[in-house]
Protein backbone atom coordinates (compact mmCIF):
# COMPACT_ATOMS: atom_id res chain seq x y z
CA UNK A 1 0.00 0.00 0.00
CA UNK A 2 2.92 2.28 0.65
CA UNK A 3 3.99 2.02 -2.97
CA UNK A 4 0.69 3.50 -4.21
CA UNK A 5 1.09 6.55 -1.97
CA UNK A 6 4.64 7.12 -3.20
CA UNK A 7 3.53 6.93 -6.83
CA UNK A 8 0.73 9.41 -6.12
CA UNK A 9 3.20 11.81 -4.53
CA UNK A 10 5.47 11.61 -7.58
CA UNK A 11 2.51 12.28 -9.89
CA UNK A 12 1.60 15.37 -7.88
CA UNK A 13 5.19 16.63 -8.07
CA UNK A 14 5.28 16.08 -11.84
CA UNK A 15 1.93 17.85 -12.29
CA UNK A 16 3.10 20.77 -10.15
CA UNK A 17 6.27 21.08 -12.24
CA UNK A 18 4.25 21.06 -15.48
CA UNK A 19 1.89 23.65 -14.02
CA UNK A 20 4.81 25.89 -13.05
CA UNK A 21 6.21 25.66 -16.59
CA UNK A 22 2.97 25.90 -18.55
CA UNK A 23 1.20 28.82 -16.82
CA UNK A 24 3.92 31.44 -17.55
CA UNK A 25 4.13 30.26 -21.17
CA UNK A 26 0.36 30.55 -21.62
CA UNK A 27 0.38 34.05 -20.10
CA UNK A 28 3.29 35.10 -22.33
CA UNK A 29 1.60 33.84 -25.51
CA UNK A 30 -1.65 35.52 -24.50
CA UNK A 31 0.19 38.82 -23.95
CA UNK A 32 1.88 38.55 -27.36
CA UNK A 33 -1.45 37.81 -29.02
CA UNK A 34 -3.14 40.76 -27.32
CA UNK A 35 -0.27 43.05 -28.33
CA UNK A 36 -0.84 42.10 -31.98
CA UNK A 37 -4.57 42.74 -31.62
CA UNK A 38 -3.91 46.11 -30.00
CA UNK A 39 -1.51 47.06 -32.80
CA UNK A 40 -4.15 46.29 -35.43
CA UNK A 41 -6.78 48.25 -33.52
CA UNK A 42 -4.44 51.21 -33.15
CA UNK A 43 -4.02 51.33 -36.94
CA UNK A 44 -7.78 51.27 -37.49
CA UNK A 45 -8.72 53.64 -34.67
CA UNK A 46 -9.88 57.14 -35.50
CA UNK A 47 -8.41 60.23 -33.95
CA UNK A 48 -10.90 62.52 -32.23
CA UNK A 49 -9.53 65.61 -34.00
CA UNK A 50 -9.97 63.94 -37.38
CA UNK A 51 -13.62 63.11 -36.68
CA UNK A 52 -14.29 66.65 -35.43
CA UNK A 53 -12.68 68.12 -38.53
CA UNK A 54 -14.77 65.82 -40.72
CA UNK A 55 -17.99 66.82 -38.98
CA UNK A 56 -17.18 70.51 -39.36
CA UNK A 57 -16.04 70.45 -43.00
CA UNK A 58 -17.81 67.50 -44.64
CA UNK A 59 -19.42 67.93 -48.04
CA UNK A 60 -22.87 66.46 -48.81
CA UNK A 61 -21.43 63.44 -50.65
CA UNK A 62 -19.20 62.68 -47.66
CA UNK A 63 -22.20 62.93 -45.32
CA UNK A 64 -24.10 60.50 -47.57
CA UNK A 65 -21.12 58.13 -47.39
CA UNK A 66 -21.19 58.46 -43.60
CA UNK A 67 -24.87 57.57 -43.55
CA UNK A 68 -24.66 54.77 -46.10
CA UNK A 69 -21.27 53.18 -45.46
CA UNK A 70 -20.10 54.33 -42.06
CA UNK A 71 -17.38 56.60 -40.76
CA UNK A 72 -14.53 54.65 -42.35
CA UNK A 73 -15.64 55.19 -45.96
CA UNK A 74 -16.67 58.79 -45.27
CA UNK A 75 -13.28 59.62 -43.76
CA UNK A 76 -11.54 57.96 -46.72
CA UNK A 77 -13.41 60.29 -49.07
CA UNK A 78 -12.63 63.27 -46.82
CA UNK A 79 -8.91 62.39 -46.71
CA UNK A 80 -8.77 61.99 -50.48
CA UNK A 81 -10.34 65.40 -50.95
CA UNK A 82 -7.94 67.03 -48.51
CA UNK A 83 -4.74 65.25 -49.60
CA UNK A 84 -2.17 67.69 -51.06
CA UNK A 85 -1.21 65.25 -53.81
CA UNK A 86 -4.70 65.23 -55.26
CA UNK A 87 -5.04 69.00 -54.91
CA UNK A 88 -1.85 69.58 -56.90
CA UNK A 89 -3.02 67.12 -59.59
CA UNK A 90 -6.38 68.89 -59.84
CA UNK A 91 -4.69 72.29 -60.20
CA UNK A 92 -2.32 70.93 -62.82
CA UNK A 93 -5.23 69.53 -64.89
CA UNK A 94 -7.17 72.81 -64.94
CA UNK A 95 -6.62 74.80 -68.12
CA UNK A 96 -5.06 78.21 -67.68
CA UNK A 97 -7.53 81.05 -68.29
C-alpha atoms as a PDB file:
ATOM      1  CA  UNK A   1       0.000   0.000   0.000  1.00  0.00           C
ATOM      2  CA  UNK A   2       2.918   2.284   0.650  1.00  0.00           C
ATOM      3  CA  UNK A   3       3.991   2.022  -2.972  1.00  0.00           C
ATOM      4  CA  UNK A   4       0.691   3.499  -4.208  1.00  0.00           C
ATOM      5  CA  UNK A   5       1.092   6.550  -1.974  1.00  0.00           C
ATOM      6  CA  UNK A   6       4.636   7.119  -3.200  1.00  0.00           C
ATOM      7  CA  UNK A   7       3.527   6.930  -6.830  1.00  0.00           C
ATOM      8  CA  UNK A   8       0.725   9.409  -6.120  1.00  0.00           C
ATOM      9  CA  UNK A   9       3.201  11.813  -4.533  1.00  0.00           C
ATOM     10  CA  UNK A  10       5.468  11.606  -7.579  1.00  0.00           C
ATOM     11  CA  UNK A  11       2.508  12.278  -9.887  1.00  0.00           C
ATOM     12  CA  UNK A  12       1.605  15.373  -7.876  1.00  0.00           C
ATOM     13  CA  UNK A  13       5.188  16.629  -8.072  1.00  0.00           C
ATOM     14  CA  UNK A  14       5.281  16.081 -11.836  1.00  0.00           C
ATOM     15  CA  UNK A  15       1.928  17.846 -12.290  1.00  0.00           C
ATOM     16  CA  UNK A  16       3.102  20.770 -10.146  1.00  0.00           C
ATOM     17  CA  UNK A  17       6.272  21.084 -12.236  1.00  0.00           C
ATOM     18  CA  UNK A  18       4.254  21.065 -15.483  1.00  0.00           C
ATOM     19  CA  UNK A  19       1.890  23.645 -14.023  1.00  0.00           C
ATOM     20  CA  UNK A  20       4.809  25.890 -13.054  1.00  0.00           C
ATOM     21  CA  UNK A  21       6.206  25.655 -16.593  1.00  0.00           C
ATOM     22  CA  UNK A  22       2.966  25.899 -18.549  1.00  0.00           C
ATOM     23  CA  UNK A  23       1.202  28.820 -16.825  1.00  0.00           C
ATOM     24  CA  UNK A  24       3.920  31.436 -17.550  1.00  0.00           C
ATOM     25  CA  UNK A  25       4.125  30.262 -21.171  1.00  0.00           C
ATOM     26  CA  UNK A  26       0.365  30.548 -21.615  1.00  0.00           C
ATOM     27  CA  UNK A  27       0.383  34.048 -20.104  1.00  0.00           C
ATOM     28  CA  UNK A  28       3.295  35.097 -22.327  1.00  0.00           C
ATOM     29  CA  UNK A  29       1.602  33.842 -25.507  1.00  0.00           C
ATOM     30  CA  UNK A  30      -1.648  35.518 -24.502  1.00  0.00           C
ATOM     31  CA  UNK A  31       0.186  38.825 -23.950  1.00  0.00           C
ATOM     32  CA  UNK A  32       1.881  38.553 -27.359  1.00  0.00           C
ATOM     33  CA  UNK A  33      -1.448  37.807 -29.020  1.00  0.00           C
ATOM     34  CA  UNK A  34      -3.144  40.756 -27.319  1.00  0.00           C
ATOM     35  CA  UNK A  35      -0.273  43.055 -28.329  1.00  0.00           C
ATOM     36  CA  UNK A  36      -0.839  42.102 -31.976  1.00  0.00           C
ATOM     37  CA  UNK A  37      -4.571  42.735 -31.622  1.00  0.00           C
ATOM     38  CA  UNK A  38      -3.912  46.110 -30.004  1.00  0.00           C
ATOM     39  CA  UNK A  39      -1.509  47.059 -32.795  1.00  0.00           C
ATOM     40  CA  UNK A  40      -4.149  46.290 -35.428  1.00  0.00           C
ATOM     41  CA  UNK A  41      -6.780  48.252 -33.525  1.00  0.00           C
ATOM     42  CA  UNK A  42      -4.444  51.211 -33.154  1.00  0.00           C
ATOM     43  CA  UNK A  43      -4.025  51.328 -36.941  1.00  0.00           C
ATOM     44  CA  UNK A  44      -7.782  51.266 -37.492  1.00  0.00           C
ATOM     45  CA  UNK A  45      -8.723  53.641 -34.674  1.00  0.00           C
ATOM     46  CA  UNK A  46      -9.876  57.139 -35.499  1.00  0.00           C
ATOM     47  CA  UNK A  47      -8.415  60.234 -33.945  1.00  0.00           C
ATOM     48  CA  UNK A  48     -10.904  62.523 -32.232  1.00  0.00           C
ATOM     49  CA  UNK A  49      -9.532  65.610 -33.998  1.00  0.00           C
ATOM     50  CA  UNK A  50      -9.969  63.943 -37.377  1.00  0.00           C
ATOM     51  CA  UNK A  51     -13.624  63.107 -36.680  1.00  0.00           C
ATOM     52  CA  UNK A  52     -14.295  66.654 -35.428  1.00  0.00           C
ATOM     53  CA  UNK A  53     -12.683  68.124 -38.533  1.00  0.00           C
ATOM     54  CA  UNK A  54     -14.769  65.819 -40.718  1.00  0.00           C
ATOM     55  CA  UNK A  55     -17.994  66.816 -38.984  1.00  0.00           C
ATOM     56  CA  UNK A  56     -17.180  70.512 -39.361  1.00  0.00           C
ATOM     57  CA  UNK A  57     -16.039  70.449 -43.002  1.00  0.00           C
ATOM     58  CA  UNK A  58     -17.806  67.495 -44.644  1.00  0.00           C
ATOM     59  CA  UNK A  59     -19.419  67.929 -48.040  1.00  0.00           C
ATOM     60  CA  UNK A  60     -22.867  66.464 -48.811  1.00  0.00           C
ATOM     61  CA  UNK A  61     -21.425  63.437 -50.654  1.00  0.00           C
ATOM     62  CA  UNK A  62     -19.201  62.681 -47.659  1.00  0.00           C
ATOM     63  CA  UNK A  63     -22.197  62.934 -45.318  1.00  0.00           C
ATOM     64  CA  UNK A  64     -24.097  60.503 -47.575  1.00  0.00           C
ATOM     65  CA  UNK A  65     -21.121  58.133 -47.393  1.00  0.00           C
ATOM     66  CA  UNK A  66     -21.190  58.457 -43.601  1.00  0.00           C
ATOM     67  CA  UNK A  67     -24.872  57.573 -43.555  1.00  0.00           C
ATOM     68  CA  UNK A  68     -24.656  54.769 -46.103  1.00  0.00           C
ATOM     69  CA  UNK A  69     -21.266  53.183 -45.462  1.00  0.00           C
ATOM     70  CA  UNK A  70     -20.100  54.326 -42.056  1.00  0.00           C
ATOM     71  CA  UNK A  71     -17.384  56.602 -40.763  1.00  0.00           C
ATOM     72  CA  UNK A  72     -14.531  54.653 -42.352  1.00  0.00           C
ATOM     73  CA  UNK A  73     -15.642  55.192 -45.955  1.00  0.00           C
ATOM     74  CA  UNK A  74     -16.668  58.790 -45.274  1.00  0.00           C
ATOM     75  CA  UNK A  75     -13.280  59.622 -43.762  1.00  0.00           C
ATOM     76  CA  UNK A  76     -11.540  57.963 -46.715  1.00  0.00           C
ATOM     77  CA  UNK A  77     -13.409  60.292 -49.074  1.00  0.00           C
ATOM     78  CA  UNK A  78     -12.625  63.268 -46.817  1.00  0.00           C
ATOM     79  CA  UNK A  79      -8.913  62.389 -46.711  1.00  0.00           C
ATOM     80  CA  UNK A  80      -8.775  61.992 -50.483  1.00  0.00           C
ATOM     81  CA  UNK A  81     -10.337  65.405 -50.953  1.00  0.00           C
ATOM     82  CA  UNK A  82      -7.935  67.031 -48.514  1.00  0.00           C
ATOM     83  CA  UNK A  83      -4.744  65.249 -49.595  1.00  0.00           C
ATOM     84  CA  UNK A  84      -2.171  67.690 -51.057  1.00  0.00           C
ATOM     85  CA  UNK A  85      -1.207  65.246 -53.813  1.00  0.00           C
ATOM     86  CA  UNK A  86      -4.699  65.226 -55.257  1.00  0.00           C
ATOM     87  CA  UNK A  87      -5.044  69.003 -54.906  1.00  0.00           C
ATOM     88  CA  UNK A  88      -1.849  69.585 -56.900  1.00  0.00           C
ATOM     89  CA  UNK A  89      -3.018  67.120 -59.585  1.00  0.00           C
ATOM     90  CA  UNK A  90      -6.379  68.888 -59.841  1.00  0.00           C
ATOM     91  CA  UNK A  91      -4.690  72.286 -60.196  1.00  0.00           C
ATOM     92  CA  UNK A  92      -2.322  70.931 -62.825  1.00  0.00           C
ATOM     93  CA  UNK A  93      -5.231  69.528 -64.886  1.00  0.00           C
ATOM     94  CA  UNK A  94      -7.167  72.809 -64.939  1.00  0.00           C
ATOM     95  CA  UNK A  95      -6.615  74.804 -68.117  1.00  0.00           C
ATOM     96  CA  UNK A  96      -5.056  78.213 -67.677  1.00  0.00           C
ATOM     97  CA  UNK A  97      -7.529  81.045 -68.294  1.00  0.00           C
END
